[in-house]
């Protein structure tokens, strides 16, 4: 959950990029890091194999503008895509405030997308979280490839709740900041609502 430090007037929120292996989660963070002013971001930590699959997580503390006098920081993480690292996926999800589910648009990746989305709901449930109460958006990545499924089909399979969704080509930065800005706005709105009701 978001932490609010009243002494420092600082809000810290955790955003997690989730999705199957090689769908573009790390590419999203790399693009954000490369195209954010140095005084607004921290160092990115990446642990990967030679095949560029993230083994643990990427971490990018990103600072946004002030909200009601509070400095807002977003900590961005990715989870490993491989099923064998599910314990690490669960660990990264602990305390999550918002999610970006990155979907690989290629037809042959539909089963992996679906399995990863189902795995996300299961891992959230292990902490007592759910997608009904956790803000999230969907990014349909790799829209530049020739063998991609129509967005309408992806919506049917991955996004039955009709949350905000974005077509993306992360390697070129298309849709990257759109998805990030959307989830940051949803997280802050959710935090504000919780504070009003006394939940946070």
Protein backbone atom coordinates (compact mmCIF):
# COMPACT_ATOMS: atom_id res chain seq x y z
CA UNK A 1 0.00 0.00 0.00
CA UNK A 2 1.03 3.60 -0.56
CA UNK A 3 3.01 5.08 2.29
CA UNK A 4 2.40 8.65 3.38
CA UNK A 5 5.15 10.43 5.30
CA UNK A 6 3.55 13.53 6.81
CA UNK A 7 6.83 14.76 8.30
CA UNK A 8 8.52 14.81 4.89
CA UNK A 9 5.22 15.52 3.07
CA UNK A 10 5.87 12.61 0.75
CA UNK A 11 3.68 9.92 -0.80
CA UNK A 12 5.30 6.76 -2.15
CA UNK A 13 3.32 4.43 -4.44
CA UNK A 14 4.27 1.08 -5.96
CA UNK A 15 3.45 0.26 -9.58
CA UNK A 16 4.09 -3.26 -10.91
CA UNK A 17 4.36 -4.28 -14.57
CA UNK A 18 3.00 -7.82 -14.94
CA UNK A 19 2.81 -10.12 -17.95
CA UNK A 20 4.29 -13.18 -19.67
CA UNK A 21 7.96 -13.57 -20.49
CA UNK A 22 9.41 -11.33 -23.19
CA UNK A 23 6.20 -9.30 -23.55
CA UNK A 24 7.95 -5.94 -23.06
CA UNK A 25 7.80 -5.20 -19.34
CA UNK A 26 11.49 -4.42 -19.04
CA UNK A 27 11.43 -2.49 -22.32
CA UNK A 28 8.74 -0.22 -20.86
CA UNK A 29 10.89 0.61 -17.85
CA UNK A 30 13.99 1.12 -19.96
CA UNK A 31 12.16 3.59 -22.19
CA UNK A 32 10.75 5.49 -19.20
CA UNK A 33 14.18 5.66 -17.60
CA UNK A 34 15.84 6.88 -20.79
CA UNK A 35 13.22 9.55 -21.47
CA UNK A 36 12.72 10.98 -17.99
CA UNK A 37 14.78 13.92 -16.73
CA UNK A 38 17.63 12.77 -14.51
CA UNK A 39 16.45 14.83 -11.55
CA UNK A 40 13.06 13.05 -11.69
CA UNK A 41 14.27 9.46 -11.64
CA UNK A 42 16.63 7.21 -9.78
CA UNK A 43 18.92 4.47 -11.02
CA UNK A 44 17.35 1.43 -12.61
CA UNK A 45 18.43 -1.94 -11.27
CA UNK A 46 18.08 -4.81 -13.73
CA UNK A 47 18.98 -8.44 -13.14
CA UNK A 48 18.71 -10.47 -16.32
CA UNK A 49 20.08 -13.45 -18.20
CA UNK A 50 22.00 -13.05 -21.47
CA UNK A 51 18.61 -13.65 -23.17
CA UNK A 52 17.35 -10.44 -21.54
CA UNK A 53 14.69 -12.19 -19.47
CA UNK A 54 14.24 -10.44 -16.14
CA UNK A 55 15.05 -12.85 -13.33
CA UNK A 56 14.10 -10.76 -10.35
CA UNK A 57 12.88 -7.23 -10.84
CA UNK A 58 13.59 -3.83 -12.22
CA UNK A 59 13.28 -0.90 -9.85
CA UNK A 60 12.84 2.66 -10.96
CA UNK A 61 11.86 5.30 -8.38
CA UNK A 62 10.13 8.00 -10.38
CA UNK A 63 9.11 11.32 -8.90
CA UNK A 64 6.02 13.16 -10.11
CA UNK A 65 4.75 16.67 -9.47
CA UNK A 66 3.50 17.67 -6.02
CA UNK A 67 -0.04 16.72 -5.03
CA UNK A 68 -1.63 19.03 -2.45
CA UNK A 69 1.83 19.98 -1.25
CA UNK A 70 3.02 16.38 -1.02
CA UNK A 71 5.88 15.13 -3.14
CA UNK A 72 4.74 12.00 -4.96
CA UNK A 73 7.10 9.17 -5.82
CA UNK A 74 6.26 6.12 -7.88
CA UNK A 75 8.38 3.01 -7.53
CA UNK A 76 8.18 0.98 -10.73
CA UNK A 77 8.81 -2.76 -10.75
CA UNK A 78 8.53 -5.62 -13.21
CA UNK A 79 7.97 -9.25 -12.36
CA UNK A 80 9.82 -12.14 -14.04
CA UNK A 81 7.83 -13.68 -16.86
CA UNK A 82 8.86 -17.31 -16.38
CA UNK A 83 6.53 -19.55 -14.39
CA UNK A 84 9.45 -21.02 -12.44
CA UNK A 85 9.95 -17.68 -10.69
CA UNK A 86 6.41 -17.39 -9.33
CA UNK A 87 7.63 -16.93 -5.76
CA UNK A 88 9.48 -13.81 -6.93
CA UNK A 89 6.38 -12.58 -8.74
CA UNK A 90 4.43 -12.86 -5.50
CA UNK A 91 7.15 -11.09 -3.54
CA UNK A 92 7.19 -8.15 -5.97
CA UNK A 93 3.39 -7.83 -5.72
CA UNK A 94 3.50 -7.29 -1.96
CA UNK A 95 2.19 -3.81 -1.17
CA UNK A 96 1.28 -3.03 -4.80
CA UNK A 97 -0.81 0.11 -5.41
CA UNK A 98 -1.36 -0.23 -9.15
CA UNK A 99 -0.68 -2.59 -12.03
CA UNK A 100 0.08 -2.41 -15.72
CA UNK A 101 -0.62 -5.74 -17.38
CA UNK A 102 1.54 -5.97 -20.50
CA UNK A 103 0.03 -8.25 -23.10
CA UNK A 104 1.99 -9.69 -26.04
CA UNK A 105 -0.23 -9.04 -29.08
CA UNK A 106 1.07 -12.00 -31.11
CA UNK A 107 -1.46 -14.77 -31.78
CA UNK A 108 0.91 -17.50 -30.60
CA UNK A 109 1.23 -15.76 -27.22
CA UNK A 110 -2.48 -15.79 -26.34
CA UNK A 111 -2.23 -18.78 -24.02
CA UNK A 112 0.74 -17.24 -22.20
CA UNK A 113 -1.14 -13.95 -21.85
CA UNK A 114 -4.19 -15.68 -20.43
CA UNK A 115 -2.16 -17.87 -18.06
CA UNK A 116 -0.19 -14.85 -16.83
CA UNK A 117 -3.36 -12.86 -16.20
CA UNK A 118 -4.86 -15.77 -14.25
CA UNK A 119 -1.60 -16.10 -12.32
CA UNK A 120 -1.81 -12.40 -11.46
CA UNK A 121 -5.28 -12.79 -9.94
CA UNK A 122 -4.13 -15.84 -7.96
CA UNK A 123 -1.05 -14.10 -6.61
CA UNK A 124 -3.04 -10.99 -5.66
CA UNK A 125 -5.51 -13.19 -3.80
CA UNK A 126 -2.68 -14.66 -1.73
CA UNK A 127 -2.33 -11.18 -0.15
CA UNK A 128 -6.05 -10.54 0.10
CA UNK A 129 -5.96 -8.20 -2.93
CA UNK A 130 -8.14 -8.36 -6.04
CA UNK A 131 -8.45 -6.64 -9.39
CA UNK A 132 -11.80 -5.26 -8.26
CA UNK A 133 -10.03 -3.07 -5.70
CA UNK A 134 -6.52 -2.68 -7.15
CA UNK A 135 -6.20 -0.08 -9.95
CA UNK A 136 -4.83 -1.49 -13.18
CA UNK A 137 -4.56 -0.79 -16.89
CA UNK A 138 -3.69 -2.99 -19.86
CA UNK A 139 -1.06 -2.36 -22.52
CA UNK A 140 -1.34 -4.33 -25.76
CA UNK A 141 2.30 -4.37 -26.76
CA UNK A 142 4.16 -5.32 -29.96
CA UNK A 143 1.52 -3.81 -32.24
CA UNK A 144 4.19 -3.37 -34.93
CA UNK A 145 4.51 -7.12 -35.59
CA UNK A 146 2.69 -8.80 -38.51
CA UNK A 147 1.01 -11.70 -36.66
CA UNK A 148 -0.98 -9.79 -34.07
CA UNK A 149 -4.50 -10.32 -32.79
CA UNK A 150 -7.10 -7.55 -33.21
CA UNK A 151 -7.54 -5.32 -30.18
CA UNK A 152 -11.20 -6.37 -30.00
CA UNK A 153 -10.15 -9.98 -29.47
CA UNK A 154 -7.55 -9.03 -26.87
CA UNK A 155 -10.17 -6.98 -25.05
CA UNK A 156 -12.47 -10.01 -24.93
CA UNK A 157 -9.76 -12.36 -23.63
CA UNK A 158 -7.73 -10.10 -21.33
CA UNK A 159 -9.88 -7.11 -20.43
CA UNK A 160 -13.47 -8.13 -19.62
CA UNK A 161 -13.65 -5.36 -17.00
CA UNK A 162 -12.94 -2.78 -19.71
CA UNK A 163 -10.26 -0.96 -17.72
CA UNK A 164 -8.20 1.67 -19.58
CA UNK A 165 -6.16 0.02 -22.31
CA UNK A 166 -3.43 1.19 -24.63
CA UNK A 167 -1.87 -0.10 -27.83
CA UNK A 168 1.88 -0.10 -27.48
CA UNK A 169 5.19 -0.54 -29.23
CA UNK A 170 7.39 -0.28 -26.16
CA UNK A 171 10.66 -0.50 -28.04
CA UNK A 172 9.69 2.77 -29.78
CA UNK A 173 7.99 4.26 -26.74
CA UNK A 174 4.51 4.19 -28.22
CA UNK A 175 1.88 3.82 -25.50
CA UNK A 176 4.50 3.66 -22.75
CA UNK A 177 3.86 6.97 -21.03
CA UNK A 178 0.14 6.80 -21.84
CA UNK A 179 -0.18 3.63 -19.76
CA UNK A 180 2.08 4.97 -17.00
CA UNK A 181 0.23 8.28 -16.71
CA UNK A 182 -3.11 6.48 -16.61
CA UNK A 183 -2.16 4.11 -13.81
CA UNK A 184 -0.51 6.88 -11.79
CA UNK A 185 -3.72 8.91 -12.01
CA UNK A 186 -5.84 5.92 -10.98
CA UNK A 187 -3.55 5.13 -8.04
CA UNK A 188 -3.65 8.71 -6.74
CA UNK A 189 -7.44 8.84 -7.14
CA UNK A 190 -7.76 5.55 -5.26
CA UNK A 191 -5.47 6.80 -2.49
CA UNK A 192 -7.45 10.03 -2.19
CA UNK A 193 -10.72 8.09 -1.92
CA UNK A 194 -9.28 5.83 0.77
CA UNK A 195 -8.10 8.83 2.77
CA UNK A 196 -11.56 10.39 2.56
CA UNK A 197 -13.20 7.23 3.88
CA UNK A 198 -10.53 6.69 6.51
CA UNK A 199 -9.28 3.43 4.99
CA UNK A 200 -5.74 4.63 4.25
